[in-house]
Amino acid sequence: MITYSIILIILLLLVVSMFSELFLYGLISTLLFIILLPFYYIVRVFNGKFLYGWREKLGFFKNPHLGDKVIMYHGVSVGEVIALENLIKKTKETFPDYKIVVTTGTKTGQEIALKKFSKVADFITYFPFDIPFCVDSFLNKVKPTVVLIAETELWPVFSFLCNVKNIKLYCINGRMSDSTFKLYKLFARFFKMVLSKYTKILTQSEIDKNKLIAIGAPVEKTEVMKNLKFDIKKSNEQVEIGQEGFRVIIAGSTHKGEEEIILNIFKEKQEKYNDIKLLLVPRHTTRLPQIIPLLKDFKYGFRSKGDTFKDFDIVVLDTMGELGKMYSICSFAFIGGSFNKTGGHNPLEATVYSKPTITGPSIHNFRDIYWLLSQSKAGKIVKTPKELSEYIEILLSDNDYYKQACEDCSNIFDDQQGALDVVIDELKNVL
C-alpha cells in the first residue's frame, strides 16, 4: 500500500511539473518542511540551539493592523540589516504616511533590527518560511504595498504570491558571489520565472547585474544602484586628543584576544617609529578590567579622563559613541572582531575619512565591503597576526604606498555613493 502511495505521489509530481514548476516547488517544499522539521528541531536542541522566531516564520503572529500603506524591508542577517539603516530612516522621513515593516531571517539580525529600528519601524518580525501557507498568512496580515529585499534572496513562493496580490517587489543592493552564480546558473530556467515576478532588480555593480541577467533577470528591469553601505557621512565634530605631530593607529571595536595581538605589534613598532600612538577601542567597555593588566608595559590613559597623546602612548577610548569621529585623526585602522568568530565590524567608518583599514580573516558580516576594499590598497585582509604586523610595517615605512591607499579610499567612496537616493527615487515612482 505504501509503495503504491509513493508511486502515485511521484506520478502526481511529474504531471504537476508539466504545468507549473513553481507549484511543484511549493508542494515539495511543504512536504519536506513537514517531514524534516521534527528532526531539525531535535538536532538543534541536542546542539544547545533552538528555533528562534519559528512561530513568526510559520505566519503565527498577531495581526499588526498596519493599514493599506506599508513599506517592507527585509535583511536576512546582521550585515544586510546594518546596510539598510540609513535607507529605512530616510524612507520614514520621505514617506511619513506609510508604515514601515522590517523583517530578518536570523536571530542576530532580529536583535540588530530591534536595536536600530525600534523607534523607526512600526513592526519588526521574521521573514516567513517560503511555503505557501506561511507566506500567504504573512502577506495577509502585513499587507505590504511594496517589498524591498536586500542583497539577493530569491524566494520563489514569496515572489509569486507578491505578484498575485499586486505587491511591488524589489531586489535592492543585489549581489551574487561566484559560487552562488555557478549554482543558480544550473537552474536558470527556474530562476528566470522567479525573477520575472520582480518589479525591479537593483544591483551593487555591473558585474552583479550581468550575473543576474545570466540567470534570467529581465534586462529591462535590472539596473545598477551601487552599494547602500557606502551611504554614510563624515562627522562634523572636531577631535582634539593631542594627536598633532603623531601618527595615530586605531584598533577599533576589539574583542577578546585582539588587544594582545595589537599591543604586541605596537610595542614592536614603537621601538622603530617614535612618532606613533595607539587609540585602543574595545567593543565592550565592560571588558576593561581584563584589558588594563595588558597595558602595564605602556604609558596609557583614558579618554573619559581627558588624557591625550601629549602625555601617553596609548589612550583607551572608554566613552560611548565617539569611535566614528575618531577615525578622522588616525593614519590607518585595524578593525576588530576579525580574529575570532565575530565576523568583523564596519570598515567604512574609517574609509569615509580616506583612512586605510586592515582586518583579520573573520569578516562574514561585511564580506562584500572587505572584498571591494581589498581590490585596491584601501583595505587589507590578513590571515595571521604576523601578516598584520607585516602590513602595518608597509603602511608605516612606505610613504608612496600609504598615500595611494588613502587615495584609493576616496576613489571607492566617490564611485559607490548615491545608492540610497536611487531607491528613494524608485519608491517615489511607485507610491
Protein backbone atom coordinates (compact mmCIF):
# COMPACT_ATOMS: atom_id res chain seq x y z
CA MET A 1 0.00 0.00 0.00
CA ILE A 2 2.82 2.37 0.92
CA THR A 3 4.63 1.55 -2.34
CA TYR A 4 1.53 2.38 -4.39
CA SER A 5 1.11 5.65 -2.48
CA ILE A 6 4.68 6.65 -3.22
CA ILE A 7 4.23 5.82 -6.90
CA LEU A 8 1.04 7.89 -7.03
CA ILE A 9 2.79 10.84 -5.41
CA ILE A 10 5.67 10.65 -7.89
CA LEU A 11 3.27 10.44 -10.83
CA LEU A 12 1.33 13.40 -9.44
CA LEU A 13 4.51 15.46 -9.12
CA LEU A 14 5.53 14.58 -12.67
CA VAL A 15 2.16 15.65 -14.02
CA VAL A 16 2.18 18.86 -11.98
CA SER A 17 5.71 19.68 -13.16
CA MET A 18 4.45 19.74 -16.71
CA PHE A 19 2.12 22.60 -15.81
CA SER A 20 3.88 24.55 -13.14
CA GLU A 21 7.44 24.36 -11.85
CA LEU A 22 6.52 26.86 -9.16
CA PHE A 23 3.59 24.77 -7.97
CA LEU A 24 5.92 21.78 -7.84
CA TYR A 25 8.43 23.78 -5.80
CA GLY A 26 5.71 24.85 -3.36
CA LEU A 27 4.40 21.30 -2.99
CA ILE A 28 7.81 19.75 -2.46
CA SER A 29 8.95 22.49 -0.06
CA THR A 30 5.81 21.98 2.02
CA LEU A 31 6.22 18.19 2.15
CA LEU A 32 9.92 18.42 3.03
CA PHE A 33 9.20 21.02 5.68
CA ILE A 34 6.60 18.84 7.38
CA ILE A 35 8.83 15.75 7.24
CA LEU A 36 12.12 17.37 8.29
CA LEU A 37 11.04 19.93 10.89
CA PRO A 38 10.83 17.45 13.84
CA PHE A 39 14.30 16.06 13.05
CA TYR A 40 15.76 19.54 12.62
CA TYR A 41 14.28 20.62 15.93
CA ILE A 42 15.74 17.62 17.77
CA VAL A 43 19.20 18.21 16.26
CA ARG A 44 19.11 21.89 17.27
CA VAL A 45 18.12 21.05 20.84
CA PHE A 46 20.91 18.48 21.19
CA ASN A 47 23.39 21.07 19.88
CA GLY A 48 22.27 23.53 22.53
CA LYS A 49 20.50 25.70 19.97
CA PHE A 50 16.84 26.41 19.46
CA LEU A 51 14.46 27.52 16.73
CA TYR A 52 14.13 31.25 17.06
CA GLY A 53 11.13 33.01 15.54
CA TRP A 54 9.60 29.79 14.24
CA ARG A 55 6.05 30.88 15.10
CA GLU A 56 6.50 34.13 13.19
CA LYS A 57 8.12 32.29 10.26
CA LEU A 58 5.10 30.00 10.14
CA GLY A 59 2.82 33.04 9.98
CA PHE A 60 1.51 32.55 13.53
CA PHE A 61 1.75 36.09 14.86
CA LYS A 62 -0.77 38.65 15.96
CA ASN A 63 -2.14 40.83 13.16
CA PRO A 64 -0.37 44.22 13.50
CA HIS A 65 -3.23 46.06 11.69
CA LEU A 66 -0.93 48.39 9.78
CA GLY A 67 -3.45 49.63 7.23
CA ASP A 68 -3.08 49.74 3.48
CA LYS A 69 0.06 51.89 3.17
CA VAL A 70 3.01 49.71 4.15
CA ILE A 71 6.66 49.65 3.04
CA MET A 72 8.50 46.45 3.97
CA TYR A 73 12.27 45.95 4.12
CA HIS A 74 13.97 42.58 4.53
CA GLY A 75 17.57 41.97 5.55
CA VAL A 76 18.39 38.36 6.33
CA SER A 77 21.12 38.93 8.94
CA VAL A 78 23.43 41.46 10.58
CA GLY A 79 25.25 42.80 7.52
CA GLU A 80 22.10 43.33 5.48
CA VAL A 81 20.22 44.95 8.38
CA ILE A 82 23.07 47.38 9.02
CA ALA A 83 23.19 48.23 5.30
CA LEU A 84 19.50 49.16 5.42
CA GLU A 85 19.80 51.52 8.39
CA ASN A 86 20.13 54.87 6.63
CA LEU A 87 17.70 53.87 3.88
CA ILE A 88 14.97 52.91 6.35
CA LYS A 89 15.39 56.16 8.27
CA LYS A 90 15.31 58.15 5.03
CA THR A 91 12.20 56.25 3.92
CA LYS A 92 10.42 57.17 7.15
CA GLU A 93 11.28 60.86 6.59
CA THR A 94 10.27 60.82 2.91
CA PHE A 95 7.05 58.82 3.30
CA PRO A 96 5.66 59.72 6.75
CA ASP A 97 2.18 58.43 5.85
CA TYR A 98 3.46 54.89 5.32
CA LYS A 99 4.05 52.25 7.98
CA ILE A 100 7.49 50.65 7.99
CA VAL A 101 7.94 46.89 8.44
CA VAL A 102 11.37 45.29 8.90
CA THR A 103 11.95 41.54 8.69
CA THR A 104 15.03 39.39 9.21
CA GLY A 105 15.86 35.73 8.79
CA THR A 106 18.21 35.17 11.75
CA LYS A 107 18.16 35.74 15.50
CA THR A 108 21.18 38.06 15.38
CA GLY A 109 19.61 40.01 12.54
CA GLN A 110 16.42 40.35 14.58
CA GLU A 111 18.36 41.63 17.58
CA ILE A 112 20.12 44.28 15.49
CA ALA A 113 16.84 45.31 13.84
CA LEU A 114 15.14 45.75 17.22
CA LYS A 115 18.09 47.76 18.47
CA LYS A 116 18.32 50.06 15.46
CA PHE A 117 14.71 50.41 14.33
CA SER A 118 12.54 50.15 17.44
CA LYS A 119 11.75 53.88 17.16
CA VAL A 120 11.55 53.94 13.36
CA ALA A 121 9.75 50.78 12.27
CA ASP A 122 6.10 50.15 13.06
CA PHE A 123 6.52 46.37 13.04
CA ILE A 124 9.61 44.12 13.27
CA THR A 125 9.35 40.37 12.76
CA TYR A 126 10.84 37.35 10.98
CA PHE A 127 10.56 36.65 7.24
CA PRO A 128 8.22 33.71 6.56
CA PHE A 129 9.28 30.23 5.50
CA ASP A 130 8.97 30.03 1.70
CA ILE A 131 5.99 27.72 1.93
CA PRO A 132 2.60 28.72 0.50
CA PHE A 133 0.57 28.75 3.74
CA CYS A 134 3.34 30.59 5.66
CA VAL A 135 3.82 33.28 3.02
CA ASP A 136 0.11 33.72 2.44
CA SER A 137 -0.58 34.16 6.17
CA PHE A 138 2.28 36.67 6.43
CA LEU A 139 1.18 38.77 3.46
CA ASN A 140 -2.47 38.76 4.53
CA LYS A 141 -1.50 40.19 7.92
CA VAL A 142 1.24 42.64 6.93
CA LYS A 143 -0.36 43.70 3.60
CA PRO A 144 2.73 45.45 2.20
CA THR A 145 2.34 47.92 -0.64
CA VAL A 146 5.94 47.39 -1.65
CA VAL A 147 8.61 44.90 -0.50
CA LEU A 148 12.34 45.61 -0.79
CA ILE A 149 14.67 42.66 -0.19
CA ALA A 150 18.33 43.46 0.46
CA GLU A 151 21.10 41.57 -1.34
CA THR A 152 19.88 38.63 -3.46
CA GLU A 153 17.48 36.34 -1.64
CA LEU A 154 15.29 34.70 -4.23
CA TRP A 155 12.21 33.16 -2.63
CA PRO A 156 10.01 31.59 -5.34
CA VAL A 157 6.73 31.28 -3.40
CA PHE A 158 7.10 34.73 -1.85
CA SER A 159 7.75 36.35 -5.22
CA PHE A 160 4.83 34.51 -6.84
CA LEU A 161 2.33 35.49 -4.14
CA CYS A 162 3.52 39.10 -4.16
CA ASN A 163 2.81 39.10 -7.88
CA VAL A 164 -0.64 37.55 -7.38
CA LYS A 165 -1.52 40.09 -4.69
CA ASN A 166 -0.21 43.00 -6.79
CA ILE A 167 2.56 43.85 -4.31
CA LYS A 168 5.55 45.68 -5.78
CA LEU A 169 8.68 43.56 -5.20
CA TYR A 170 12.26 44.82 -5.40
CA CYS A 171 15.70 43.31 -5.03
CA ILE A 172 17.95 46.12 -3.77
CA ASN A 173 21.70 46.21 -3.16
CA GLY A 174 21.74 42.99 -5.16
CA ARG A 175 24.92 40.99 -5.42
CA MET A 176 25.92 37.44 -6.28
CA SER A 177 29.11 35.59 -5.39
CA ASP A 178 30.85 33.46 -8.00
CA SER A 179 29.93 30.22 -6.20
CA THR A 180 26.24 31.19 -5.94
CA PHE A 181 26.22 32.22 -9.58
CA LYS A 182 27.56 28.85 -10.71
CA LEU A 183 24.86 27.04 -8.72
CA TYR A 184 22.00 29.28 -9.85
CA LYS A 185 23.14 29.08 -13.47
CA LEU A 186 22.29 25.38 -13.42
CA PHE A 187 18.67 26.30 -12.68
CA ALA A 188 18.46 29.40 -14.85
CA ARG A 189 15.12 28.35 -16.33
CA PHE A 190 13.56 28.20 -12.89
CA PHE A 191 15.10 31.47 -11.65
CA LYS A 192 14.06 33.24 -14.84
CA MET A 193 10.47 32.53 -13.84
CA VAL A 194 11.10 33.77 -10.28
CA LEU A 195 12.93 36.94 -11.33
CA SER A 196 10.17 37.82 -13.79
CA LYS A 197 7.92 38.49 -10.79
CA TYR A 198 10.11 41.36 -9.57
CA THR A 199 9.18 44.97 -10.24
CA LYS A 200 12.85 45.88 -10.50
CA ILE A 201 16.26 44.41 -9.61
CA LEU A 202 18.87 46.92 -8.46
CA THR A 203 22.46 45.66 -8.12
CA GLN A 204 25.67 46.80 -6.46
CA SER A 205 27.79 46.62 -9.61
CA GLU A 206 27.79 45.96 -13.34
CA ILE A 207 29.28 42.52 -12.61
CA ASP A 208 26.37 41.63 -10.31
CA LYS A 209 23.91 42.96 -12.88
CA ASN A 210 25.35 40.74 -15.61
CA LYS A 211 25.29 37.68 -13.35
CA LEU A 212 21.62 38.18 -12.51
CA ILE A 213 20.73 38.71 -16.17
CA ALA A 214 22.60 35.50 -16.99
CA ILE A 215 20.37 33.51 -14.62
CA GLY A 216 17.20 35.02 -16.03
CA ALA A 217 16.66 38.53 -14.68
CA PRO A 218 14.80 40.65 -17.28
CA VAL A 219 17.27 43.07 -18.91
CA GLU A 220 14.75 45.92 -18.89
CA LYS A 221 14.15 45.52 -15.13
CA THR A 222 17.77 45.15 -13.99
CA GLU A 223 19.89 48.22 -13.18
CA VAL A 224 22.97 49.18 -11.16
CA MET A 225 22.26 51.20 -7.99
CA LYS A 226 25.74 50.90 -6.36
CA ASN A 227 26.16 49.92 -2.70
CA LEU A 228 23.94 51.11 0.17
CA LYS A 229 26.65 50.50 2.73
CA PHE A 230 28.62 53.43 1.33
CA ASP A 231 25.89 55.95 2.12
CA ILE A 232 27.41 57.13 5.38
CA LYS A 233 28.50 60.62 6.30
CA LYS A 234 31.55 62.10 7.99
CA SER A 235 31.10 63.58 11.43
CA ASN A 236 31.32 67.36 11.61
CA GLU A 237 32.71 67.21 15.16
CA GLN A 238 36.29 68.29 15.67
CA VAL A 239 38.51 65.89 17.60
CA GLU A 240 41.24 67.05 19.93
CA ILE A 241 43.20 64.34 21.68
CA GLY A 242 46.74 65.70 21.36
CA GLN A 243 47.29 63.99 18.01
CA GLU A 244 49.26 66.80 16.30
CA GLY A 245 52.71 65.64 15.21
CA PHE A 246 51.92 61.97 15.70
CA ARG A 247 50.76 59.11 13.52
CA VAL A 248 47.77 57.56 15.27
CA ILE A 249 46.87 53.91 14.80
CA ILE A 250 43.32 52.98 15.80
CA ALA A 251 42.46 49.47 16.93
CA GLY A 252 38.69 49.77 16.64
CA SER A 253 36.00 47.52 18.14
CA THR A 254 38.44 44.96 19.50
CA HIS A 255 37.30 41.71 21.10
CA LYS A 256 38.86 39.21 23.47
CA GLY A 257 42.32 38.14 22.30
CA GLU A 258 42.75 41.01 19.85
CA GLU A 259 44.16 43.51 22.35
CA GLU A 260 47.12 41.17 22.97
CA ILE A 261 47.76 40.95 19.24
CA ILE A 262 47.68 44.69 18.58
CA LEU A 263 49.63 45.60 21.74
CA ASN A 264 52.46 43.19 20.88
CA ILE A 265 52.69 44.66 17.39
CA PHE A 266 52.50 48.24 18.67
CA LYS A 267 55.30 47.60 21.15
CA GLU A 268 57.46 46.17 18.37
CA LYS A 269 56.80 49.11 16.01
CA GLN A 270 57.24 51.72 18.73
CA GLU A 271 60.88 50.72 19.06
CA LYS A 272 61.38 51.65 15.41
CA TYR A 273 58.94 54.56 14.96
CA ASN A 274 58.88 57.06 17.81
CA ASP A 275 56.06 59.12 16.31
CA ILE A 276 53.29 56.51 16.53
CA LYS A 277 50.45 56.41 19.05
CA LEU A 278 47.64 53.92 19.61
CA LEU A 279 43.97 54.58 20.25
CA LEU A 280 42.63 51.34 21.70
CA VAL A 281 38.87 50.92 21.40
CA PRO A 282 37.39 47.77 22.95
CA ARG A 283 33.99 46.86 21.52
CA HIS A 284 32.61 46.41 25.03
CA THR A 285 33.86 48.69 27.82
CA THR A 286 32.76 46.06 30.34
CA ARG A 287 35.94 44.21 29.37
CA LEU A 288 38.21 46.97 30.68
CA PRO A 289 39.14 45.04 33.86
CA GLN A 290 40.59 42.30 31.61
CA ILE A 291 42.31 44.78 29.27
CA ILE A 292 44.01 47.11 31.77
CA PRO A 293 46.52 44.48 33.00
CA LEU A 294 47.70 44.08 29.41
CA LEU A 295 48.79 47.75 29.39
CA LYS A 296 51.25 47.51 32.27
CA ASP A 297 54.30 47.98 30.00
CA PHE A 298 52.90 51.13 28.34
CA LYS A 299 52.18 54.73 29.25
CA TYR A 300 48.41 54.75 28.90
CA GLY A 301 45.48 56.98 29.69
CA PHE A 302 41.72 57.14 29.26
CA ARG A 303 39.53 59.30 27.06
CA SER A 304 36.99 59.63 29.88
CA LYS A 305 39.66 61.36 32.00
CA GLY A 306 40.67 63.75 29.22
CA ASP A 307 44.06 62.06 28.72
CA THR A 308 45.85 62.84 25.44
CA PHE A 309 48.72 61.63 23.29
CA LYS A 310 50.85 64.51 24.54
CA ASP A 311 51.32 62.54 27.75
CA PHE A 312 50.54 58.95 26.81
CA ASP A 313 51.49 56.46 24.09
CA ILE A 314 48.14 54.69 24.32
CA VAL A 315 44.75 56.22 25.00
CA VAL A 316 41.88 53.85 25.74
CA LEU A 317 38.58 55.07 24.30
CA ASP A 318 36.29 54.18 27.21
CA THR A 319 33.46 56.54 26.24
CA MET A 320 30.38 55.71 24.19
CA GLY A 321 29.56 56.88 20.67
CA GLU A 322 32.89 58.50 19.78
CA LEU A 323 34.65 55.90 17.66
CA GLY A 324 33.20 57.07 14.33
CA LYS A 325 34.62 60.58 14.55
CA MET A 326 37.95 59.31 15.93
CA TYR A 327 38.79 57.71 12.59
CA SER A 328 39.26 61.23 11.24
CA ILE A 329 42.51 61.63 13.22
CA CYS A 330 44.15 58.27 12.51
CA SER A 331 46.67 57.30 9.87
CA PHE A 332 45.10 53.86 9.44
CA ALA A 333 42.96 51.44 11.43
CA PHE A 334 42.79 47.83 12.43
CA ILE A 335 39.12 46.77 12.58
CA GLY A 336 38.44 44.25 15.34
CA GLY A 337 36.05 41.35 15.67
CA SER A 338 38.06 39.74 12.89
CA PHE A 339 40.49 37.45 14.70
CA ASN A 340 37.66 35.48 16.29
CA LYS A 341 34.25 34.34 15.07
CA THR A 342 32.50 37.70 15.44
CA GLY A 343 32.52 38.39 11.71
CA GLY A 344 34.18 41.80 11.71
CA HIS A 345 32.87 45.34 12.02
CA ASN A 346 32.23 48.11 9.53
CA PRO A 347 35.47 49.38 7.92
CA LEU A 348 33.68 52.19 6.09
CA GLU A 349 33.60 54.32 9.24
CA ALA A 350 37.34 54.75 8.61
CA THR A 351 37.27 54.59 4.81
CA VAL A 352 34.91 57.59 4.63
CA TYR A 353 37.79 59.67 6.05
CA SER A 354 40.16 58.22 3.42
CA LYS A 355 41.92 56.08 6.02
CA PRO A 356 43.12 52.59 5.01
CA THR A 357 41.91 49.63 7.06
CA ILE A 358 43.25 46.21 8.00
CA THR A 359 41.17 43.28 9.18
CA GLY A 360 41.65 39.70 10.26
CA PRO A 361 40.12 36.71 8.44
CA SER A 362 36.67 36.67 10.12
CA ILE A 363 34.67 39.15 8.01
CA HIS A 364 31.37 37.46 7.18
CA ASN A 365 29.26 40.39 8.45
CA PHE A 366 30.84 42.71 5.86
CA ARG A 367 32.30 40.30 3.34
CA ASP A 368 31.22 42.28 0.27
CA ILE A 369 32.69 45.52 1.63
CA TYR A 370 36.02 43.97 2.56
CA TRP A 371 36.19 42.27 -0.83
CA LEU A 372 35.65 45.59 -2.59
CA LEU A 373 38.21 47.46 -0.46
CA SER A 374 40.79 44.71 -0.89
CA GLN A 375 40.66 45.05 -4.69
CA SER A 376 42.76 48.18 -4.15
CA LYS A 377 45.04 49.39 -1.37
CA ALA A 378 42.06 50.81 0.55
CA GLY A 379 41.69 47.68 2.67
CA LYS A 380 43.72 44.62 3.53
CA ILE A 381 42.56 41.24 4.81
CA VAL A 382 45.27 39.39 6.77
CA LYS A 383 45.13 35.81 7.98
CA THR A 384 47.52 35.89 10.93
CA PRO A 385 48.97 38.34 13.48
CA LYS A 386 52.30 38.01 11.64
CA GLU A 387 50.68 39.22 8.40
CA LEU A 388 49.04 42.05 10.34
CA SER A 389 52.45 43.15 11.63
CA GLU A 390 53.98 42.95 8.16
CA TYR A 391 51.25 45.06 6.59
CA ILE A 392 51.40 47.67 9.34
CA GLU A 393 55.12 47.89 8.60
CA ILE A 394 54.37 48.67 4.95
CA LEU A 395 51.94 51.45 5.87
CA LEU A 396 54.42 52.96 8.32
CA SER A 397 57.53 52.68 6.14
CA ASP A 398 56.38 53.17 2.53
CA ASN A 399 55.04 56.70 2.17
CA ASP A 400 54.11 56.36 -1.51
CA TYR A 401 52.17 53.16 -0.81
CA TYR A 402 50.37 54.82 2.10
CA LYS A 403 49.36 57.86 0.03
CA GLN A 404 47.99 55.61 -2.71
CA ALA A 405 46.00 53.63 -0.11
CA CYS A 406 44.40 56.85 1.14
CA GLU A 407 43.62 57.92 -2.42
CA ASP A 408 42.05 54.53 -3.14
CA CYS A 409 39.73 55.02 -0.18
CA SER A 410 38.50 58.33 -1.61
CA ASN A 411 38.07 56.88 -5.09
CA ILE A 412 35.98 53.95 -3.85
CA PHE A 413 33.66 56.24 -1.91
CA ASP A 414 33.24 58.61 -4.84
CA ASP A 415 32.40 55.66 -7.08
CA GLN A 416 29.97 53.88 -4.74
CA GLN A 417 27.87 56.62 -3.15
CA GLY A 418 24.36 57.50 -4.30
CA ALA A 419 22.60 54.15 -3.84
CA LEU A 420 20.24 55.45 -1.18
CA ASP A 421 18.85 58.14 -3.46
CA VAL A 422 18.28 55.61 -6.25
CA VAL A 423 15.99 53.55 -4.00
CA ILE A 424 14.12 56.58 -2.64
CA ASP A 425 13.53 57.85 -6.19
CA GLU A 426 12.26 54.42 -7.19
CA LEU A 427 9.80 54.42 -4.30
CA LYS A 428 8.58 57.86 -5.32
CA ASN A 429 7.76 56.41 -8.74
CA VAL A 430 5.57 53.60 -7.42
CA LEU A 431 3.96 55.01 -4.26
